Amino acid sequence: MELFSILLPILIDFINRKFANSSDARLLVSVLVCSAFGLFFNWLDTSFVFGTPRLAFESVSNSILVVFGLAQLSFKAVWEKTETHKDLKYDNI
C-alpha cells in the first residue's frame, strides 16, 4: 500500500491536468482516486468479509484515510518540488 500511495500523486496530477479546473474539482479527484485505491487494498486484505457493519465501516474508512494521508504526505515530501510535478503541472510532457 505504501508504494502505491507514494506514486498516487503523479496519477492524481495527471488526471487533474486533464479534467479538473478548480481546486474543488482537484480535491474531489484526489478523494475519489484515493478511495478507489483504499477500497482495492481493503479488498485485498479482507476480501470484504466482516463480522458486523460497524467493522466493515471502520475497516474501509481506515483504508481510505490511510491511502489519502500517505498520498498527501508523499506529495508534500517527495513530489511537490520535483521536475516531474512541474512537468505535469505545466503540461510539458
PDB file of N, CA and C in Angstrom:
ATOM      1  N   MET A   1       0.821  -1.186   0.000  1.00  0.00           N
ATOM      2  CA  MET A   1       0.000   0.000   0.000  1.00  0.00           C
ATOM      3  C   MET A   1       0.868   1.254   0.000  1.00  0.00           C
ATOM      4  N   GLU A   2       1.951   1.226   0.735  1.00  0.00           N
ATOM      5  CA  GLU A   2       2.785   2.413   0.853  1.00  0.00           C
ATOM      6  C   GLU A   2       3.428   2.780  -0.479  1.00  0.00           C
ATOM      7  N   LEU A   3       3.879   1.792  -1.236  1.00  0.00           N
ATOM      8  CA  LEU A   3       4.499   2.077  -2.523  1.00  0.00           C
ATOM      9  C   LEU A   3       3.501   2.741  -3.470  1.00  0.00           C
ATOM     10  N   PHE A   4       2.307   2.203  -3.554  1.00  0.00           N
ATOM     11  CA  PHE A   4       1.301   2.800  -4.416  1.00  0.00           C
ATOM     12  C   PHE A   4       0.893   4.189  -3.929  1.00  0.00           C
ATOM     13  N   SER A   5       0.846   4.378  -2.630  1.00  0.00           N
ATOM     14  CA  SER A   5       0.485   5.692  -2.094  1.00  0.00           C
ATOM     15  C   SER A   5       1.539   6.738  -2.413  1.00  0.00           C
ATOM     16  N   ILE A   6       2.776   6.331  -2.524  1.00  0.00           N
ATOM     17  CA  ILE A   6       3.838   7.267  -2.896  1.00  0.00           C
ATOM     18  C   ILE A   6       3.698   7.667  -4.363  1.00  0.00           C
ATOM     19  N   LEU A   7       3.217   6.744  -5.196  1.00  0.00           N
ATOM     20  CA  LEU A   7       3.070   7.030  -6.621  1.00  0.00           C
ATOM     21  C   LEU A   7       1.731   7.685  -6.978  1.00  0.00           C
ATOM     22  N   LEU A   8       0.766   7.638  -6.094  1.00  0.00           N
ATOM     23  CA  LEU A   8      -0.557   8.196  -6.383  1.00  0.00           C
ATOM     24  C   LEU A   8      -0.561   9.685  -6.735  1.00  0.00           C
ATOM     25  N   PRO A   9       0.253  10.533  -6.113  1.00  0.00           N
ATOM     26  CA  PRO A   9       0.212  11.948  -6.501  1.00  0.00           C
ATOM     27  C   PRO A   9       0.491  12.181  -7.984  1.00  0.00           C
ATOM     28  N   ILE A  10       1.328  11.360  -8.586  1.00  0.00           N
ATOM     29  CA  ILE A  10       1.598  11.508 -10.021  1.00  0.00           C
ATOM     30  C   ILE A  10       0.343  11.181 -10.818  1.00  0.00           C
ATOM     31  N   LEU A  11      -0.349  10.097 -10.460  1.00  0.00           N
ATOM     32  CA  LEU A  11      -1.597   9.736 -11.135  1.00  0.00           C
ATOM     33  C   LEU A  11      -2.658  10.815 -10.920  1.00  0.00           C
ATOM     34  N   ILE A  12      -2.777  11.299  -9.700  1.00  0.00           N
ATOM     35  CA  ILE A  12      -3.769  12.336  -9.399  1.00  0.00           C
ATOM     36  C   ILE A  12      -3.458  13.620 -10.168  1.00  0.00           C
ATOM     37  N   ASP A  13      -2.181  14.015 -10.227  1.00  0.00           N
ATOM     38  CA  ASP A  13      -1.804  15.198 -11.009  1.00  0.00           C
ATOM     39  C   ASP A  13      -2.135  15.025 -12.483  1.00  0.00           C
ATOM     40  N   PHE A  14      -1.885  13.836 -13.001  1.00  0.00           N
ATOM     41  CA  PHE A  14      -2.173  13.568 -14.405  1.00  0.00           C
ATOM     42  C   PHE A  14      -3.675  13.708 -14.688  1.00  0.00           C
ATOM     43  N   ILE A  15      -4.508  13.135 -13.833  1.00  0.00           N
ATOM     44  CA  ILE A  15      -5.961  13.232 -14.005  1.00  0.00           C
ATOM     45  C   ILE A  15      -6.422  14.675 -13.837  1.00  0.00           C
ATOM     46  N   ASN A  16      -5.890  15.355 -12.842  1.00  0.00           N
ATOM     47  CA  ASN A  16      -6.258  16.754 -12.629  1.00  0.00           C
ATOM     48  C   ASN A  16      -5.880  17.627 -13.817  1.00  0.00           C
ATOM     49  N   ARG A  17      -4.746  17.347 -14.403  1.00  0.00           N
ATOM     50  CA  ARG A  17      -4.286  18.134 -15.546  1.00  0.00           C
ATOM     51  C   ARG A  17      -5.258  18.004 -16.715  1.00  0.00           C
ATOM     52  N   LYS A  18      -5.854  16.832 -16.869  1.00  0.00           N
ATOM     53  CA  LYS A  18      -6.748  16.589 -17.993  1.00  0.00           C
ATOM     54  C   LYS A  18      -8.187  17.040 -17.743  1.00  0.00           C
ATOM     55  N   PHE A  19      -8.670  16.909 -16.486  1.00  0.00           N
ATOM     56  CA  PHE A  19     -10.097  17.059 -16.256  1.00  0.00           C
ATOM     57  C   PHE A  19     -10.506  18.128 -15.249  1.00  0.00           C
ATOM     58  N   ALA A  20      -9.648  18.509 -14.334  1.00  0.00           N
ATOM     59  CA  ALA A  20     -10.060  19.387 -13.234  1.00  0.00           C
ATOM     60  C   ALA A  20      -9.581  20.818 -13.471  1.00  0.00           C
ATOM     61  N   ASN A  21     -10.496  21.751 -13.284  1.00  0.00           N
ATOM     62  CA  ASN A  21     -10.151  23.159 -13.473  1.00  0.00           C
ATOM     63  C   ASN A  21     -10.118  23.940 -12.174  1.00  0.00           C
ATOM     64  N   SER A  22     -10.915  23.545 -11.204  1.00  0.00           N
ATOM     65  CA  SER A  22     -10.975  24.300  -9.951  1.00  0.00           C
ATOM     66  C   SER A  22     -10.339  23.496  -8.817  1.00  0.00           C
ATOM     67  N   SER A  23     -10.089  24.165  -7.708  1.00  0.00           N
ATOM     68  CA  SER A  23      -9.488  23.471  -6.563  1.00  0.00           C
ATOM     69  C   SER A  23     -10.453  22.460  -5.968  1.00  0.00           C
ATOM     70  N   ASP A  24     -11.761  22.747  -6.026  1.00  0.00           N
ATOM     71  CA  ASP A  24     -12.746  21.778  -5.537  1.00  0.00           C
ATOM     72  C   ASP A  24     -12.739  20.513  -6.385  1.00  0.00           C
ATOM     73  N   ALA A  25     -12.615  20.674  -7.685  1.00  0.00           N
ATOM     74  CA  ALA A  25     -12.567  19.510  -8.577  1.00  0.00           C
ATOM     75  C   ALA A  25     -11.297  18.706  -8.337  1.00  0.00           C
ATOM     76  N   ARG A  26     -10.181  19.389  -8.110  1.00  0.00           N
ATOM     77  CA  ARG A  26      -8.929  18.677  -7.834  1.00  0.00           C
ATOM     78  C   ARG A  26      -9.013  17.883  -6.534  1.00  0.00           C
ATOM     79  N   LEU A  27      -9.641  18.470  -5.516  1.00  0.00           N
ATOM     80  CA  LEU A  27      -9.830  17.752  -4.259  1.00  0.00           C
ATOM     81  C   LEU A  27     -10.727  16.534  -4.466  1.00  0.00           C
ATOM     82  N   LEU A  28     -11.799  16.701  -5.220  1.00  0.00           N
ATOM     83  CA  LEU A  28     -12.707  15.595  -5.492  1.00  0.00           C
ATOM     84  C   LEU A  28     -12.000  14.463  -6.234  1.00  0.00           C
ATOM     85  N   VAL A  29     -11.175  14.798  -7.224  1.00  0.00           N
ATOM     86  CA  VAL A  29     -10.401  13.776  -7.940  1.00  0.00           C
ATOM     87  C   VAL A  29      -9.474  13.051  -6.981  1.00  0.00           C
ATOM     88  N   SER A  30      -8.800  13.788  -6.124  1.00  0.00           N
ATOM     89  CA  SER A  30      -7.884  13.184  -5.163  1.00  0.00           C
ATOM     90  C   SER A  30      -8.612  12.225  -4.225  1.00  0.00           C
ATOM     91  N   VAL A  31      -9.757  12.661  -3.704  1.00  0.00           N
ATOM     92  CA  VAL A  31     -10.525  11.817  -2.788  1.00  0.00           C
ATOM     93  C   VAL A  31     -11.041  10.571  -3.507  1.00  0.00           C
ATOM     94  N   LEU A  32     -11.542  10.729  -4.723  1.00  0.00           N
ATOM     95  CA  LEU A  32     -12.082   9.578  -5.461  1.00  0.00           C
ATOM     96  C   LEU A  32     -10.993   8.562  -5.810  1.00  0.00           C
ATOM     97  N   VAL A  33      -9.847   9.037  -6.267  1.00  0.00           N
ATOM     98  CA  VAL A  33      -8.751   8.126  -6.608  1.00  0.00           C
ATOM     99  C   VAL A  33      -8.252   7.407  -5.358  1.00  0.00           C
ATOM    100  N   CYS A  34      -8.062   8.144  -4.278  1.00  0.00           N
ATOM    101  CA  CYS A  34      -7.599   7.522  -3.034  1.00  0.00           C
ATOM    102  C   CYS A  34      -8.641   6.558  -2.478  1.00  0.00           C
ATOM    103  N   SER A  35      -9.915   6.898  -2.621  1.00  0.00           N
ATOM    104  CA  SER A  35     -10.972   5.986  -2.168  1.00  0.00           C
ATOM    105  C   SER A  35     -10.970   4.697  -2.966  1.00  0.00           C
ATOM    106  N   ALA A  36     -10.795   4.807  -4.265  1.00  0.00           N
ATOM    107  CA  ALA A  36     -10.751   3.607  -5.102  1.00  0.00           C
ATOM    108  C   ALA A  36      -9.577   2.711  -4.711  1.00  0.00           C
ATOM    109  N   PHE A  37      -8.410   3.307  -4.515  1.00  0.00           N
ATOM    110  CA  PHE A  37      -7.257   2.510  -4.112  1.00  0.00           C
ATOM    111  C   PHE A  37      -7.425   1.966  -2.698  1.00  0.00           C
ATOM    112  N   GLY A  38      -8.019   2.758  -1.800  1.00  0.00           N
ATOM    113  CA  GLY A  38      -8.277   2.276  -0.447  1.00  0.00           C
ATOM    114  C   GLY A  38      -9.219   1.097  -0.437  1.00  0.00           C
ATOM    115  N   LEU A  39     -10.293   1.156  -1.239  1.00  0.00           N
ATOM    116  CA  LEU A  39     -11.215   0.023  -1.350  1.00  0.00           C
ATOM    117  C   LEU A  39     -10.517  -1.204  -1.924  1.00  0.00           C
ATOM    118  N   PHE A  40      -9.688  -0.992  -2.931  1.00  0.00           N
ATOM    119  CA  PHE A  40      -8.953  -2.111  -3.534  1.00  0.00           C
ATOM    120  C   PHE A  40      -8.032  -2.774  -2.515  1.00  0.00           C
ATOM    121  N   PHE A  41      -7.281  -1.967  -1.774  1.00  0.00           N
ATOM    122  CA  PHE A  41      -6.369  -2.544  -0.775  1.00  0.00           C
ATOM    123  C   PHE A  41      -7.128  -3.216   0.357  1.00  0.00           C
ATOM    124  N   ASN A  42      -8.285  -2.671   0.716  1.00  0.00           N
ATOM    125  CA  ASN A  42      -9.103  -3.309   1.739  1.00  0.00           C
ATOM    126  C   ASN A  42      -9.631  -4.646   1.243  1.00  0.00           C
ATOM    127  N   TRP A  43     -10.026  -4.689  -0.011  1.00  0.00           N
ATOM    128  CA  TRP A  43     -10.494  -5.946  -0.589  1.00  0.00           C
ATOM    129  C   TRP A  43      -9.368  -6.984  -0.611  1.00  0.00           C
ATOM    130  N   LEU A  44      -8.158  -6.556  -0.973  1.00  0.00           N
ATOM    131  CA  LEU A  44      -7.020  -7.488  -0.958  1.00  0.00           C
ATOM    132  C   LEU A  44      -6.764  -8.025   0.442  1.00  0.00           C
ATOM    133  N   ASP A  45      -6.920  -7.173   1.428  1.00  0.00           N
ATOM    134  CA  ASP A  45      -6.615  -7.545   2.804  1.00  0.00           C
ATOM    135  C   ASP A  45      -7.719  -8.373   3.456  1.00  0.00           C
ATOM    136  N   THR A  46      -8.987  -8.035   3.192  1.00  0.00           N
ATOM    137  CA  THR A  46     -10.081  -8.667   3.928  1.00  0.00           C
ATOM    138  C   THR A  46     -11.063  -9.437   3.059  1.00  0.00           C
ATOM    139  N   SER A  47     -10.998  -9.279   1.757  1.00  0.00           N
ATOM    140  CA  SER A  47     -11.989  -9.842   0.818  1.00  0.00           C
ATOM    141  C   SER A  47     -13.402  -9.384   1.161  1.00  0.00           C
ATOM    142  N   PHE A  48     -13.514  -8.244   1.812  1.00  0.00           N
ATOM    143  CA  PHE A  48     -14.794  -7.663   2.235  1.00  0.00           C
ATOM    144  C   PHE A  48     -15.625  -8.622   3.088  1.00  0.00           C
ATOM    145  N   VAL A  49     -14.944  -9.402   3.911  1.00  0.00           N
ATOM    146  CA  VAL A  49     -15.635 -10.293   4.859  1.00  0.00           C
ATOM    147  C   VAL A  49     -15.472  -9.682   6.248  1.00  0.00           C
ATOM    148  N   PHE A  50     -16.578  -9.180   6.809  1.00  0.00           N
ATOM    149  CA  PHE A  50     -16.557  -8.508   8.098  1.00  0.00           C
ATOM    150  C   PHE A  50     -17.611  -9.131   9.004  1.00  0.00           C
ATOM    151  N   GLY A  51     -17.412  -9.015  10.292  1.00  0.00           N
ATOM    152  CA  GLY A  51     -18.366  -9.560  11.248  1.00  0.00           C
ATOM    153  C   GLY A  51     -19.611  -8.721  11.403  1.00  0.00           C
ATOM    154  N   THR A  52     -19.446  -7.411  11.414  1.00  0.00           N
ATOM    155  CA  THR A  52     -20.579  -6.516  11.615  1.00  0.00           C
ATOM    156  C   THR A  52     -20.462  -5.332  10.655  1.00  0.00           C
ATOM    157  N   PRO A  53     -21.545  -4.615  10.419  1.00  0.00           N
ATOM    158  CA  PRO A  53     -21.465  -3.417   9.574  1.00  0.00           C
ATOM    159  C   PRO A  53     -20.519  -2.358  10.149  1.00  0.00           C
ATOM    160  N   ARG A  54     -20.446  -2.287  11.468  1.00  0.00           N
ATOM    161  CA  ARG A  54     -19.532  -1.326  12.088  1.00  0.00           C
ATOM    162  C   ARG A  54     -18.085  -1.657  11.762  1.00  0.00           C
ATOM    163  N   LEU A  55     -17.721  -2.929  11.849  1.00  0.00           N
ATOM    164  CA  LEU A  55     -16.362  -3.335  11.494  1.00  0.00           C
ATOM    165  C   LEU A  55     -16.078  -3.076  10.015  1.00  0.00           C
ATOM    166  N   ALA A  56     -17.068  -3.278   9.183  1.00  0.00           N
ATOM    167  CA  ALA A  56     -16.906  -3.001   7.750  1.00  0.00           C
ATOM    168  C   ALA A  56     -16.624  -1.523   7.526  1.00  0.00           C
ATOM    169  N   PHE A  57     -17.422  -0.668   8.162  1.00  0.00           N
ATOM    170  CA  PHE A  57     -17.220   0.778   8.016  1.00  0.00           C
ATOM    171  C   PHE A  57     -15.844   1.195   8.514  1.00  0.00           C
ATOM    172  N   GLU A  58     -15.453   0.691   9.666  1.00  0.00           N
ATOM    173  CA  GLU A  58     -14.146   1.053  10.228  1.00  0.00           C
ATOM    174  C   GLU A  58     -13.006   0.591   9.340  1.00  0.00           C
ATOM    175  N   SER A  59     -13.094  -0.611   8.846  1.00  0.00           N
ATOM    176  CA  SER A  59     -12.023  -1.153   8.018  1.00  0.00           C
ATOM    177  C   SER A  59     -11.887  -0.395   6.699  1.00  0.00           C
ATOM    178  N   VAL A  60     -13.008  -0.167   6.034  1.00  0.00           N
ATOM    179  CA  VAL A  60     -12.979   0.528   4.747  1.00  0.00           C
ATOM    180  C   VAL A  60     -12.556   1.983   4.935  1.00  0.00           C
ATOM    181  N   SER A  61     -13.114   2.663   5.922  1.00  0.00           N
ATOM    182  CA  SER A  61     -12.746   4.063   6.131  1.00  0.00           C
ATOM    183  C   SER A  61     -11.281   4.199   6.541  1.00  0.00           C
ATOM    184  N   ASN A  62     -10.767   3.281   7.340  1.00  0.00           N
ATOM    185  CA  ASN A  62      -9.344   3.311   7.694  1.00  0.00           C
ATOM    186  C   ASN A  62      -8.468   3.161   6.465  1.00  0.00           C
ATOM    187  N   SER A  63      -8.814   2.236   5.599  1.00  0.00           N
ATOM    188  CA  SER A  63      -8.022   2.032   4.381  1.00  0.00           C
ATOM    189  C   SER A  63      -8.019   3.279   3.513  1.00  0.00           C
ATOM    190  N   ILE A  64      -9.181   3.880   3.343  1.00  0.00           N
ATOM    191  CA  ILE A  64      -9.274   5.081   2.509  1.00  0.00           C
ATOM    192  C   ILE A  64      -8.480   6.231   3.130  1.00  0.00           C
ATOM    193  N   LEU A  65      -8.621   6.428   4.431  1.00  0.00           N
ATOM    194  CA  LEU A  65      -7.910   7.520   5.091  1.00  0.00           C
ATOM    195  C   LEU A  65      -6.396   7.313   5.083  1.00  0.00           C
ATOM    196  N   VAL A  66      -5.952   6.075   5.236  1.00  0.00           N
ATOM    197  CA  VAL A  66      -4.510   5.807   5.192  1.00  0.00           C
ATOM    198  C   VAL A  66      -3.957   6.103   3.804  1.00  0.00           C
ATOM    199  N   VAL A  67      -4.645   5.650   2.772  1.00  0.00           N
ATOM    200  CA  VAL A  67      -4.168   5.916   1.411  1.00  0.00           C
ATOM    201  C   VAL A  67      -4.173   7.415   1.128  1.00  0.00           C
ATOM    202  N   PHE A  68      -5.246   8.114   1.493  1.00  0.00           N
ATOM    203  CA  PHE A  68      -5.320   9.554   1.265  1.00  0.00           C
ATOM    204  C   PHE A  68      -4.214  10.284   2.034  1.00  0.00           C
ATOM    205  N   GLY A  69      -4.020   9.913   3.282  1.00  0.00           N
ATOM    206  CA  GLY A  69      -2.972  10.550   4.086  1.00  0.00           C
ATOM    207  C   GLY A  69      -1.579  10.303   3.542  1.00  0.00           C
ATOM    208  N   LEU A  70      -1.300   9.069   3.155  1.00  0.00           N
ATOM    209  CA  LEU A  70       0.015   8.767   2.590  1.00  0.00           C
ATOM    210  C   LEU A  70       0.239   9.472   1.259  1.00  0.00           C
ATOM    211  N   ALA A  71      -0.804   9.581   0.462  1.00  0.00           N
ATOM    212  CA  ALA A  71      -0.672  10.298  -0.808  1.00  0.00           C
ATOM    213  C   ALA A  71      -0.382  11.778  -0.567  1.00  0.00           C
ATOM    214  N   GLN A  72      -1.067  12.375   0.403  1.00  0.00           N
ATOM    215  CA  GLN A  72      -0.828  13.783   0.719  1.00  0.00           C
ATOM    216  C   GLN A  72       0.584  13.989   1.279  1.00  0.00           C
ATOM    217  N   LEU A  73       1.003  13.105   2.175  1.00  0.00           N
ATOM    218  CA  LEU A  73       2.353  13.209   2.735  1.00  0.00           C
ATOM    219  C   LEU A  73       3.431  13.025   1.681  1.00  0.00           C
ATOM    220  N   SER A  74       3.254  12.038   0.819  1.00  0.00           N
ATOM    221  CA  SER A  74       4.274  11.804  -0.204  1.00  0.00           C
ATOM    222  C   SER A  74       4.308  12.947  -1.207  1.00  0.00           C
ATOM    223  N   PHE A  75       3.161  13.557  -1.490  1.00  0.00           N
ATOM    224  CA  PHE A  75       3.171  14.714  -2.381  1.00  0.00           C
ATOM    225  C   PHE A  75       3.983  15.853  -1.771  1.00  0.00           C
ATOM    226  N   LYS A  76       3.716  16.157  -0.508  1.00  0.00           N
ATOM    227  CA  LYS A  76       4.437  17.250   0.148  1.00  0.00           C
ATOM    228  C   LYS A  76       5.918  16.936   0.337  1.00  0.00           C
ATOM    229  N   ALA A  77       6.235  15.683   0.667  1.00  0.00           N
ATOM    230  CA  ALA A  77       7.617  15.321   0.978  1.00  0.00           C
ATOM    231  C   ALA A  77       8.461  15.036  -0.259  1.00  0.00           C
ATOM    232  N   VAL A  78       7.844  14.480  -1.302  1.00  0.00           N
ATOM    233  CA  VAL A  78       8.627  13.993  -2.434  1.00  0.00           C
ATOM    234  C   VAL A  78       8.340  14.748  -3.721  1.00  0.00           C
ATOM    235  N   TRP A  79       7.084  14.897  -4.074  1.00  0.00           N
ATOM    236  CA  TRP A  79       6.731  15.311  -5.435  1.00  0.00           C
ATOM    237  C   TRP A  79       6.522  16.798  -5.638  1.00  0.00           C
ATOM    238  N   GLU A  80       6.228  17.549  -4.605  1.00  0.00           N
ATOM    239  CA  GLU A  80       5.799  18.932  -4.788  1.00  0.00           C
ATOM    240  C   GLU A  80       6.836  19.797  -5.507  1.00  0.00           C
ATOM    241  N   LYS A  81       8.099  19.627  -5.192  1.00  0.00           N
ATOM    242  CA  LYS A  81       9.128  20.498  -5.764  1.00  0.00           C
ATOM    243  C   LYS A  81       9.985  19.813  -6.826  1.00  0.00           C
ATOM    244  N   THR A  82       9.556  18.667  -7.309  1.00  0.00           N
ATOM    245  CA  THR A  82      10.348  17.950  -8.308  1.00  0.00           C
ATOM    246  C   THR A  82      10.009  18.424  -9.712  1.00  0.00           C
ATOM    247  N   GLU A  83      10.885  18.104 -10.630  1.00  0.00           N
ATOM    248  CA  GLU A  83      10.653  18.437 -12.033  1.00  0.00           C
ATOM    249  C   GLU A  83       9.473  17.662 -12.599  1.00  0.00           C
ATOM    250  N   THR A  84       9.235  16.456 -12.110  1.00  0.00           N
ATOM    251  CA  THR A  84       8.117  15.657 -12.597  1.00  0.00           C
ATOM    252  C   THR A  84       6.805  16.376 -12.322  1.00  0.00           C
ATOM    253  N   HIS A  85       6.640  16.888 -11.132  1.00  0.00           N
ATOM    254  CA  HIS A  85       5.418  17.620 -10.789  1.00  0.00           C
ATOM    255  C   HIS A  85       5.281  18.878 -11.649  1.00  0.00           C
ATOM    256  N   LYS A  86       6.381  19.586 -11.855  1.00  0.00           N
ATOM    257  CA  LYS A  86       6.318  20.801 -12.670  1.00  0.00           C
ATOM    258  C   LYS A  86       5.964  20.455 -14.121  1.00  0.00           C
ATOM    259  N   ASP A  87       6.516  19.358 -14.633  1.00  0.00           N
ATOM    260  CA  ASP A  87       6.193  18.950 -15.993  1.00  0.00           C
ATOM    261  C   ASP A  87       4.715  18.603 -16.124  1.00  0.00           C
ATOM    262  N   LEU A  88       4.180  17.895 -15.144  1.00  0.00           N
ATOM    263  CA  LEU A  88       2.762  17.561 -15.182  1.00  0.00           C
ATOM    264  C   LEU A  88       1.907  18.815 -15.015  1.00  0.00           C
ATOM    265  N   LYS A  89       2.336  19.700 -14.140  1.00  0.00           N
ATOM    266  CA  LYS A  89       1.539  20.889 -13.843  1.00  0.00           C
ATOM    267  C   LYS A  89       1.447  21.802 -15.062  1.00  0.00           C
ATOM    268  N   TYR A  90       2.537  21.946 -15.786  1.00  0.00           N
ATOM    269  CA  TYR A  90       2.557  22.873 -16.908  1.00  0.00           C
ATOM    270  C   TYR A  90       2.422  22.179 -18.254  1.00  0.00           C
ATOM    271  N   ASP A  91       2.063  20.892 -18.230  1.00  0.00           N
ATOM    272  CA  ASP A  91       1.765  20.148 -19.455  1.00  0.00           C
ATOM    273  C   ASP A  91       2.973  20.101 -20.405  1.00  0.00           C
ATOM    274  N   ASN A  92       4.150  19.815 -19.869  1.00  0.00           N
ATOM    275  CA  ASN A  92       5.362  19.754 -20.667  1.00  0.00           C
ATOM    276  C   ASN A  92       5.743  18.357 -21.112  1.00  0.00           C
ATOM    277  N   ILE A  93       4.923  17.384 -20.821  1.00  0.00           N
ATOM    278  CA  ILE A  93       5.293  16.012 -21.182  1.00  0.00           C
ATOM    279  C   ILE A  93       4.912  15.755 -22.612  1.00  0.00           C
TER     280      ILE A  93
END
